[in-house]
Amino acid sequence: MIEIQGVTKRYGEVAVVQDVSLTLPKGGVTSIIGPNGAGKSTLLSMVSRLIPMSAGTVKVDGLDITTTPGEVLARRLSILRQESRVASRLTVRELVSFGRYPHSRGRLTEEDNAHVARALSHMALEDIQDRFLDELSGGQRQRAFVAMVLCQDTDYVLLDEPLNNLDLRHAVSMMKYLRRAADELSKTIVLVIHDLNFASCYSDHIVAMRDGAVAFQGPPERIIQPEVLKAIYGLDIRVHDLDGDRVAVYYR
């Protein structure tokens, strides 16, 4: 599990994440929702050690992220940032292969190549694996970056808005794959997501943030409620039960 205790991030006098204590369960899919500026991406970046905490501790399966060697943490936890930039003249396959670096240090083995092939297949990238990144659409690049993170084959996969630039078909495909990864490969998937209905239909646990703090958390049936969503977003949102899922209607 991921244990977050008293985590705070300040920029000068402004606290963008304030004294967050939270346990993210091992296994399954946890979605972090909330309005812009709620602190979602900042929290995820601190958990993954991409940015330092101003205060607090984070432990992954008992390992303190501030003292655990990077090569050990990279075999336990992987993250896709909201904005990922690499050299545009890399091919898709080369990018995905980077996910194996914590295991092979750049010298790919037969096992590494099998992981690369599997990630390319899961993200439906086989046909474009030899194309350069600057030749791809935004959605194709996003799928390639997600494939790279999945190729790292960690127990914990943290994804900051993985549906960016994806059309509806590929967004559904992505969520189905993440759900399968949690169920069949025993991965713990934690993602920042804006689409309430994807969060509702594919998650086991939802963390709702507002103003740098955790406002609510629990299973989808507890969070996808009109009064909870209004407290988070300040909107009147209707919620319906559809084939066992809670569906939010907020477009009118």
C-alpha atoms as a PDB file:
ATOM      1  CA  MET A   1       0.000   0.000   0.000  1.00  0.00           C
ATOM      2  CA  ILE A   2       0.970   3.649  -0.318  1.00  0.00           C
ATOM      3  CA  GLU A   3       0.875   5.470   3.026  1.00  0.00           C
ATOM      4  CA  ILE A   4       0.788   9.270   2.878  1.00  0.00           C
ATOM      5  CA  GLN A   5       1.174  11.099   6.176  1.00  0.00           C
ATOM      6  CA  GLY A   6       0.924  14.864   6.662  1.00  0.00           C
ATOM      7  CA  VAL A   7       2.132  15.636   3.156  1.00  0.00           C
ATOM      8  CA  THR A   8       2.346  19.329   2.315  1.00  0.00           C
ATOM      9  CA  LYS A   9       3.737  21.253  -0.641  1.00  0.00           C
ATOM     10  CA  ARG A  10       4.341  24.979  -0.404  1.00  0.00           C
ATOM     11  CA  TYR A  11       5.528  27.468  -2.962  1.00  0.00           C
ATOM     12  CA  GLY A  12       6.545  30.413  -0.862  1.00  0.00           C
ATOM     13  CA  GLU A  13       3.651  31.155   1.454  1.00  0.00           C
ATOM     14  CA  VAL A  14       1.125  29.294  -0.692  1.00  0.00           C
ATOM     15  CA  ALA A  15       0.288  25.675   0.177  1.00  0.00           C
ATOM     16  CA  VAL A  16      -0.944  23.842  -2.922  1.00  0.00           C
ATOM     17  CA  VAL A  17      -1.226  20.584  -0.968  1.00  0.00           C
ATOM     18  CA  GLN A  18      -1.963  20.926   2.729  1.00  0.00           C
ATOM     19  CA  ASP A  19      -1.415  18.210   5.358  1.00  0.00           C
ATOM     20  CA  VAL A  20      -2.761  15.274   3.341  1.00  0.00           C
ATOM     21  CA  SER A  21      -2.902  11.908   5.119  1.00  0.00           C
ATOM     22  CA  LEU A  22      -4.170   9.068   3.002  1.00  0.00           C
ATOM     23  CA  THR A  23      -3.754   5.336   2.484  1.00  0.00           C
ATOM     24  CA  LEU A  24      -4.008   4.141  -1.102  1.00  0.00           C
ATOM     25  CA  PRO A  25      -4.990   0.475  -1.047  1.00  0.00           C
ATOM     26  CA  LYS A  26      -2.823  -2.128  -2.736  1.00  0.00           C
ATOM     27  CA  GLY A  27      -4.414  -3.610  -5.819  1.00  0.00           C
ATOM     28  CA  GLY A  28      -7.240  -2.325  -7.948  1.00  0.00           C
ATOM     29  CA  VAL A  29      -7.777   1.093  -9.501  1.00  0.00           C
ATOM     30  CA  THR A  30      -7.799   4.314  -7.494  1.00  0.00           C
ATOM     31  CA  SER A  31      -8.905   7.503  -9.250  1.00  0.00           C
ATOM     32  CA  ILE A  32      -8.062  10.967  -7.937  1.00  0.00           C
ATOM     33  CA  ILE A  33     -10.638  13.548  -9.005  1.00  0.00           C
ATOM     34  CA  GLY A  34     -11.288  17.207  -8.317  1.00  0.00           C
ATOM     35  CA  PRO A  35     -11.315  20.630  -9.966  1.00  0.00           C
ATOM     36  CA  ASN A  36      -8.286  22.329 -11.493  1.00  0.00           C
ATOM     37  CA  GLY A  37      -5.886  23.533  -8.825  1.00  0.00           C
ATOM     38  CA  ALA A  38      -7.061  20.978  -6.262  1.00  0.00           C
ATOM     39  CA  GLY A  39      -3.531  19.584  -5.853  1.00  0.00           C
ATOM     40  CA  LYS A  40      -4.085  16.233  -7.584  1.00  0.00           C
ATOM     41  CA  SER A  41      -1.032  16.246  -9.858  1.00  0.00           C
ATOM     42  CA  THR A  42       1.166  17.787  -7.175  1.00  0.00           C
ATOM     43  CA  LEU A  43       0.236  15.028  -4.745  1.00  0.00           C
ATOM     44  CA  LEU A  44       0.964  12.335  -7.340  1.00  0.00           C
ATOM     45  CA  SER A  45       4.320  13.950  -8.158  1.00  0.00           C
ATOM     46  CA  MET A  46       5.324  13.957  -4.484  1.00  0.00           C
ATOM     47  CA  VAL A  47       4.316  10.310  -4.059  1.00  0.00           C
ATOM     48  CA  SER A  48       6.543   9.397  -7.003  1.00  0.00           C
ATOM     49  CA  ARG A  49       9.418  11.601  -5.752  1.00  0.00           C
ATOM     50  CA  LEU A  50       9.345  13.807  -8.841  1.00  0.00           C
ATOM     51  CA  ILE A  51       9.049  16.881  -6.628  1.00  0.00           C
ATOM     52  CA  PRO A  52      10.108  17.214  -2.980  1.00  0.00           C
ATOM     53  CA  MET A  53       7.637  17.507  -0.133  1.00  0.00           C
ATOM     54  CA  SER A  54       7.662  20.550   2.119  1.00  0.00           C
ATOM     55  CA  ALA A  55       6.535  18.301   4.974  1.00  0.00           C
ATOM     56  CA  GLY A  56       5.275  14.779   5.559  1.00  0.00           C
ATOM     57  CA  THR A  57       6.231  11.224   4.643  1.00  0.00           C
ATOM     58  CA  VAL A  58       5.297   8.750   1.916  1.00  0.00           C
ATOM     59  CA  LYS A  59       5.897   5.005   2.173  1.00  0.00           C
ATOM     60  CA  VAL A  60       5.417   2.420  -0.566  1.00  0.00           C
ATOM     61  CA  ASP A  61       5.060  -1.056   0.948  1.00  0.00           C
ATOM     62  CA  GLY A  62       6.914   0.279   3.963  1.00  0.00           C
ATOM     63  CA  LEU A  63       9.737   1.871   1.936  1.00  0.00           C
ATOM     64  CA  ASP A  64      10.259   5.560   2.699  1.00  0.00           C
ATOM     65  CA  ILE A  65      10.521   7.217  -0.706  1.00  0.00           C
ATOM     66  CA  THR A  66      12.934   9.866   0.533  1.00  0.00           C
ATOM     67  CA  THR A  67      15.547   7.330   1.639  1.00  0.00           C
ATOM     68  CA  THR A  68      14.977   4.395  -0.723  1.00  0.00           C
ATOM     69  CA  PRO A  69      17.578   4.201  -3.536  1.00  0.00           C
ATOM     70  CA  GLY A  70      16.190   5.274  -6.895  1.00  0.00           C
ATOM     71  CA  GLU A  71      16.906   1.964  -8.625  1.00  0.00           C
ATOM     72  CA  VAL A  72      14.953   0.118  -5.923  1.00  0.00           C
ATOM     73  CA  LEU A  73      11.976   2.485  -6.087  1.00  0.00           C
ATOM     74  CA  ALA A  74      11.935   2.382  -9.919  1.00  0.00           C
ATOM     75  CA  ARG A  75      11.362  -1.372  -9.821  1.00  0.00           C
ATOM     76  CA  ARG A  76       8.437  -0.894  -7.452  1.00  0.00           C
ATOM     77  CA  LEU A  77       6.716   2.260  -8.725  1.00  0.00           C
ATOM     78  CA  SER A  78       6.371   3.927 -12.137  1.00  0.00           C
ATOM     79  CA  ILE A  79       4.737   7.186 -13.172  1.00  0.00           C
ATOM     80  CA  LEU A  80       3.565   8.951 -16.296  1.00  0.00           C
ATOM     81  CA  ARG A  81       3.623  12.707 -15.894  1.00  0.00           C
ATOM     82  CA  GLN A  82       0.941  14.922 -17.376  1.00  0.00           C
ATOM     83  CA  GLU A  83       3.488  16.396 -19.761  1.00  0.00           C
ATOM     84  CA  SER A  84       6.239  14.063 -20.934  1.00  0.00           C
ATOM     85  CA  ARG A  85       8.958  15.265 -23.279  1.00  0.00           C
ATOM     86  CA  VAL A  86      11.660  13.203 -24.968  1.00  0.00           C
ATOM     87  CA  ALA A  87      13.669  13.506 -28.172  1.00  0.00           C
ATOM     88  CA  SER A  88      11.236  13.544 -31.084  1.00  0.00           C
ATOM     89  CA  ARG A  89      13.476  11.365 -33.267  1.00  0.00           C
ATOM     90  CA  LEU A  90      12.920   8.336 -31.110  1.00  0.00           C
ATOM     91  CA  THR A  91      10.762   5.586 -32.542  1.00  0.00           C
ATOM     92  CA  VAL A  92       7.771   4.264 -30.632  1.00  0.00           C
ATOM     93  CA  ARG A  93       9.593   1.009 -29.901  1.00  0.00           C
ATOM     94  CA  GLU A  94      12.668   2.851 -28.629  1.00  0.00           C
ATOM     95  CA  LEU A  95      10.511   4.944 -26.305  1.00  0.00           C
ATOM     96  CA  VAL A  96       8.677   1.913 -24.925  1.00  0.00           C
ATOM     97  CA  SER A  97      12.032   0.149 -24.408  1.00  0.00           C
ATOM     98  CA  PHE A  98      13.047   2.900 -21.977  1.00  0.00           C
ATOM     99  CA  GLY A  99      10.582   1.337 -19.544  1.00  0.00           C
ATOM    100  CA  ARG A 100      12.999  -1.556 -19.101  1.00  0.00           C
ATOM    101  CA  TYR A 101      15.925   0.645 -18.055  1.00  0.00           C
ATOM    102  CA  PRO A 102      15.550   0.022 -14.279  1.00  0.00           C
ATOM    103  CA  HIS A 103      15.858  -3.708 -15.017  1.00  0.00           C
ATOM    104  CA  SER A 104      18.444  -3.892 -17.815  1.00  0.00           C
ATOM    105  CA  ARG A 105      20.311  -0.547 -17.731  1.00  0.00           C
ATOM    106  CA  GLY A 106      19.847  -0.246 -21.488  1.00  0.00           C
ATOM    107  CA  ARG A 107      21.037  -3.731 -22.448  1.00  0.00           C
ATOM    108  CA  LEU A 108      17.808  -5.423 -23.415  1.00  0.00           C
ATOM    109  CA  THR A 109      17.483  -9.128 -22.726  1.00  0.00           C
ATOM    110  CA  GLU A 110      15.062 -11.581 -24.274  1.00  0.00           C
ATOM    111  CA  GLU A 111      12.770 -11.041 -21.279  1.00  0.00           C
ATOM    112  CA  ASP A 112      12.961  -7.259 -21.750  1.00  0.00           C
ATOM    113  CA  ASN A 113      12.040  -7.584 -25.424  1.00  0.00           C
ATOM    114  CA  ALA A 114       9.060  -9.746 -24.451  1.00  0.00           C
ATOM    115  CA  HIS A 115       7.856  -6.981 -22.116  1.00  0.00           C
ATOM    116  CA  VAL A 116       8.286  -4.415 -24.901  1.00  0.00           C
ATOM    117  CA  ALA A 117       6.312  -6.541 -27.358  1.00  0.00           C
ATOM    118  CA  ARG A 118       3.556  -7.097 -24.813  1.00  0.00           C
ATOM    119  CA  ALA A 119       3.243  -3.375 -24.034  1.00  0.00           C
ATOM    120  CA  LEU A 120       3.127  -2.489 -27.732  1.00  0.00           C
ATOM    121  CA  SER A 121       0.401  -5.059 -28.257  1.00  0.00           C
ATOM    122  CA  HIS A 122      -1.703  -3.933 -25.277  1.00  0.00           C
ATOM    123  CA  MET A 123      -1.646  -0.349 -26.521  1.00  0.00           C
ATOM    124  CA  ALA A 124      -2.279  -1.364 -30.160  1.00  0.00           C
ATOM    125  CA  LEU A 125       1.011   0.173 -31.304  1.00  0.00           C
ATOM    126  CA  GLU A 126       2.543  -2.702 -33.280  1.00  0.00           C
ATOM    127  CA  ASP A 127       1.744  -1.163 -36.656  1.00  0.00           C
ATOM    128  CA  ILE A 128       3.459   2.131 -35.814  1.00  0.00           C
ATOM    129  CA  GLN A 129       6.292   0.898 -33.578  1.00  0.00           C
ATOM    130  CA  ASP A 130       8.958   1.972 -36.104  1.00  0.00           C
ATOM    131  CA  ARG A 131       7.582   5.474 -36.637  1.00  0.00           C
ATOM    132  CA  PHE A 132       9.170   8.513 -34.993  1.00  0.00           C
ATOM    133  CA  LEU A 133       7.330  10.286 -32.203  1.00  0.00           C
ATOM    134  CA  ASP A 134       7.101  13.553 -34.140  1.00  0.00           C
ATOM    135  CA  GLU A 135       5.223  11.701 -36.881  1.00  0.00           C
ATOM    136  CA  LEU A 136       2.405  10.693 -34.541  1.00  0.00           C
ATOM    137  CA  SER A 137      -0.839  12.276 -33.444  1.00  0.00           C
ATOM    138  CA  GLY A 138      -1.157  13.454 -29.857  1.00  0.00           C
ATOM    139  CA  GLY A 139      -3.252  10.404 -28.987  1.00  0.00           C
ATOM    140  CA  GLN A 140      -0.746   8.001 -30.510  1.00  0.00           C
ATOM    141  CA  ARG A 141       2.088   9.599 -28.548  1.00  0.00           C
ATOM    142  CA  GLN A 142       0.065   9.374 -25.347  1.00  0.00           C
ATOM    143  CA  ARG A 143      -0.503   5.653 -25.890  1.00  0.00           C
ATOM    144  CA  ALA A 144       3.228   5.206 -26.512  1.00  0.00           C
ATOM    145  CA  PHE A 145       4.106   6.933 -23.232  1.00  0.00           C
ATOM    146  CA  VAL A 146       1.598   4.794 -21.334  1.00  0.00           C
ATOM    147  CA  ALA A 147       3.083   1.689 -22.974  1.00  0.00           C
ATOM    148  CA  MET A 148       6.536   2.773 -21.769  1.00  0.00           C
ATOM    149  CA  VAL A 149       5.299   3.050 -18.175  1.00  0.00           C
ATOM    150  CA  LEU A 150       3.500  -0.304 -18.340  1.00  0.00           C
ATOM    151  CA  CYS A 151       6.630  -1.881 -19.805  1.00  0.00           C
ATOM    152  CA  GLN A 152       8.466  -0.982 -16.596  1.00  0.00           C
ATOM    153  CA  ASP A 153       6.372  -3.737 -14.987  1.00  0.00           C
ATOM    154  CA  THR A 154       6.089  -2.244 -11.516  1.00  0.00           C
ATOM    155  CA  ASP A 155       3.617  -3.178  -8.794  1.00  0.00           C
ATOM    156  CA  TYR A 156       2.412   0.435  -8.609  1.00  0.00           C
ATOM    157  CA  VAL A 157       1.549   2.447 -11.726  1.00  0.00           C
ATOM    158  CA  LEU A 158       0.824   6.161 -11.280  1.00  0.00           C
ATOM    159  CA  LEU A 159      -0.721   7.989 -14.220  1.00  0.00           C
ATOM    160  CA  ASP A 160      -1.358  11.724 -14.359  1.00  0.00           C
ATOM    161  CA  GLU A 161      -4.276  12.296 -16.756  1.00  0.00           C
ATOM    162  CA  PRO A 162      -3.511   9.296 -19.014  1.00  0.00           C
ATOM    163  CA  LEU A 163      -6.551  10.042 -21.198  1.00  0.00           C
ATOM    164  CA  ASN A 164      -5.091  13.329 -22.461  1.00  0.00           C
ATOM    165  CA  ASN A 165      -5.403  13.633 -26.256  1.00  0.00           C
ATOM    166  CA  LEU A 166      -7.207  10.304 -26.593  1.00  0.00           C
ATOM    167  CA  ASP A 167     -10.383  10.007 -28.612  1.00  0.00           C
ATOM    168  CA  LEU A 168     -13.335   8.167 -27.078  1.00  0.00           C
ATOM    169  CA  ARG A 169     -12.451   4.756 -28.527  1.00  0.00           C
ATOM    170  CA  HIS A 170      -8.869   4.871 -27.296  1.00  0.00           C
ATOM    171  CA  ALA A 171      -9.892   6.328 -23.921  1.00  0.00           C
ATOM    172  CA  VAL A 172     -12.270   3.389 -23.372  1.00  0.00           C
ATOM    173  CA  SER A 173      -9.564   0.980 -24.539  1.00  0.00           C
ATOM    174  CA  MET A 174      -7.077   2.555 -22.121  1.00  0.00           C
ATOM    175  CA  MET A 175      -9.431   2.266 -19.152  1.00  0.00           C
ATOM    176  CA  LYS A 176     -10.258  -1.345 -20.028  1.00  0.00           C
ATOM    177  CA  TYR A 177      -6.562  -2.179 -20.167  1.00  0.00           C
ATOM    178  CA  LEU A 178      -5.860  -0.514 -16.832  1.00  0.00           C
ATOM    179  CA  ARG A 179      -8.760  -2.408 -15.299  1.00  0.00           C
ATOM    180  CA  ARG A 180      -7.369  -5.698 -16.672  1.00  0.00           C
ATOM    181  CA  ALA A 181      -3.877  -4.840 -15.441  1.00  0.00           C
ATOM    182  CA  ALA A 182      -5.266  -4.418 -11.940  1.00  0.00           C
ATOM    183  CA  ASP A 183      -7.409  -7.554 -12.061  1.00  0.00           C
ATOM    184  CA  GLU A 184      -5.210  -9.977 -13.989  1.00  0.00           C
ATOM    185  CA  LEU A 185      -1.674  -8.728 -13.298  1.00  0.00           C
ATOM    186  CA  SER A 186      -2.257  -7.595  -9.694  1.00  0.00           C
ATOM    187  CA  LYS A 187      -1.129  -4.044 -10.467  1.00  0.00           C
ATOM    188  CA  THR A 188      -2.059  -1.100  -8.286  1.00  0.00           C
ATOM    189  CA  ILE A 189      -3.218   1.646 -10.644  1.00  0.00           C
ATOM    190  CA  VAL A 190      -3.494   5.210  -9.343  1.00  0.00           C
ATOM    191  CA  LEU A 191      -4.597   7.851 -11.823  1.00  0.00           C
ATOM    192  CA  VAL A 192      -5.561  11.494 -11.901  1.00  0.00           C
ATOM    193  CA  ILE A 193      -8.639  11.764 -14.075  1.00  0.00           C
ATOM    194  CA  HIS A 194     -11.207  14.427 -14.946  1.00  0.00           C
ATOM    195  CA  ASP A 195     -13.917  12.243 -16.485  1.00  0.00           C
ATOM    196  CA  LEU A 196     -16.254  11.368 -13.623  1.00  0.00           C
ATOM    197  CA  ASN A 197     -17.914   8.518 -15.454  1.00  0.00           C
ATOM    198  CA  PHE A 198     -14.649   6.766 -16.293  1.00  0.00           C
ATOM    199  CA  ALA A 199     -13.704   7.137 -12.639  1.00  0.00           C
ATOM    200  CA  SER A 200     -17.084   5.773 -11.558  1.00  0.00           C
ATOM    201  CA  CYS A 201     -17.190   2.795 -13.916  1.00  0.00           C
ATOM    202  CA  TYR A 202     -13.590   1.581 -13.715  1.00  0.00           C
ATOM    203  CA  SER A 203     -12.407   2.419 -10.192  1.00  0.00           C
ATOM    204  CA  ASP A 204     -12.494   0.541  -6.932  1.00  0.00           C
ATOM    205  CA  HIS A 205     -11.672   3.618  -4.892  1.00  0.00           C
ATOM    206  CA  ILE A 206     -12.021   7.354  -5.533  1.00  0.00           C
ATOM    207  CA  VAL A 207     -10.152  10.155  -3.784  1.00  0.00           C
ATOM    208  CA  ALA A 208     -11.775  13.569  -4.255  1.00  0.00           C
ATOM    209  CA  MET A 209      -9.597  16.633  -3.642  1.00  0.00           C
ATOM    210  CA  ARG A 210     -10.441  20.290  -3.303  1.00  0.00           C
ATOM    211  CA  ASP A 211      -8.277  23.270  -2.311  1.00  0.00           C
ATOM    212  CA  GLY A 212      -5.186  21.139  -1.699  1.00  0.00           C
ATOM    213  CA  ALA A 213      -6.870  18.689   0.663  1.00  0.00           C
ATOM    214  CA  VAL A 214      -8.756  15.401   0.521  1.00  0.00           C
ATOM    215  CA  ALA A 215     -12.444  16.254   0.707  1.00  0.00           C
ATOM    216  CA  PHE A 216     -13.905  12.760   0.317  1.00  0.00           C
ATOM    217  CA  GLN A 217     -12.758   9.230  -0.381  1.00  0.00           C
ATOM    218  CA  GLY A 218     -14.430   5.878  -0.767  1.00  0.00           C
ATOM    219  CA  PRO A 219     -15.942   3.517  -3.343  1.00  0.00           C
ATOM    220  CA  PRO A 220     -17.643   5.011  -6.416  1.00  0.00           C
ATOM    221  CA  GLU A 221     -21.139   4.498  -5.040  1.00  0.00           C
ATOM    222  CA  ARG A 222     -20.251   6.731  -2.088  1.00  0.00           C
ATOM    223  CA  ILE A 223     -18.477   9.468  -4.068  1.00  0.00           C
ATOM    224  CA  ILE A 224     -20.622   9.675  -7.191  1.00  0.00           C
ATOM    225  CA  GLN A 225     -23.507  11.299  -5.347  1.00  0.00           C
ATOM    226  CA  PRO A 226     -25.092  14.680  -6.180  1.00  0.00           C
ATOM    227  CA  GLU A 227     -24.334  16.249  -2.795  1.00  0.00           C
ATOM    228  CA  VAL A 228     -20.714  15.038  -2.792  1.00  0.00           C
ATOM    229  CA  LEU A 229     -20.053  16.196  -6.343  1.00  0.00           C
ATOM    230  CA  LYS A 230     -21.599  19.600  -5.656  1.00  0.00           C
ATOM    231  CA  ALA A 231     -19.318  20.006  -2.633  1.00  0.00           C
ATOM    232  CA  ILE A 232     -16.302  19.206  -4.838  1.00  0.00           C
ATOM    233  CA  TYR A 233     -17.165  21.052  -8.042  1.00  0.00           C
ATOM    234  CA  GLY A 234     -19.801  23.591  -7.029  1.00  0.00           C
ATOM    235  CA  LEU A 235     -22.183  22.264  -9.674  1.00  0.00           C
ATOM    236  CA  ASP A 236     -25.590  20.641  -9.570  1.00  0.00           C
ATOM    237  CA  ILE A 237     -24.840  17.211 -11.032  1.00  0.00           C
ATOM    238  CA  ARG A 238     -27.464  14.581 -11.590  1.00  0.00           C
ATOM    239  CA  VAL A 239     -26.537  10.960 -10.914  1.00  0.00           C
ATOM    240  CA  HIS A 240     -28.272   7.906 -12.369  1.00  0.00           C
ATOM    241  CA  ASP A 241     -27.851   4.168 -11.875  1.00  0.00           C
ATOM    242  CA  LEU A 242     -27.162   2.474 -15.200  1.00  0.00           C
ATOM    243  CA  ASP A 243     -26.548  -1.274 -15.295  1.00  0.00           C
ATOM    244  CA  GLY A 244     -24.994  -1.158 -11.849  1.00  0.00           C
ATOM    245  CA  ASP A 245     -22.806   1.897 -12.490  1.00  0.00           C
ATOM    246  CA  ARG A 246     -23.239   5.415 -11.159  1.00  0.00           C
ATOM    247  CA  VAL A 247     -23.392   7.842 -14.086  1.00  0.00           C
ATOM    248  CA  ALA A 248     -23.049  11.598 -13.639  1.00  0.00           C
ATOM    249  CA  VAL A 249     -24.857  14.009 -15.955  1.00  0.00           C
ATOM    250  CA  TYR A 250     -23.386  17.507 -15.862  1.00  0.00           C
ATOM    251  CA  TYR A 251     -23.664  18.948 -19.355  1.00  0.00           C
ATOM    252  CA  ARG A 252     -26.918  20.866 -18.802  1.00  0.00           C
END
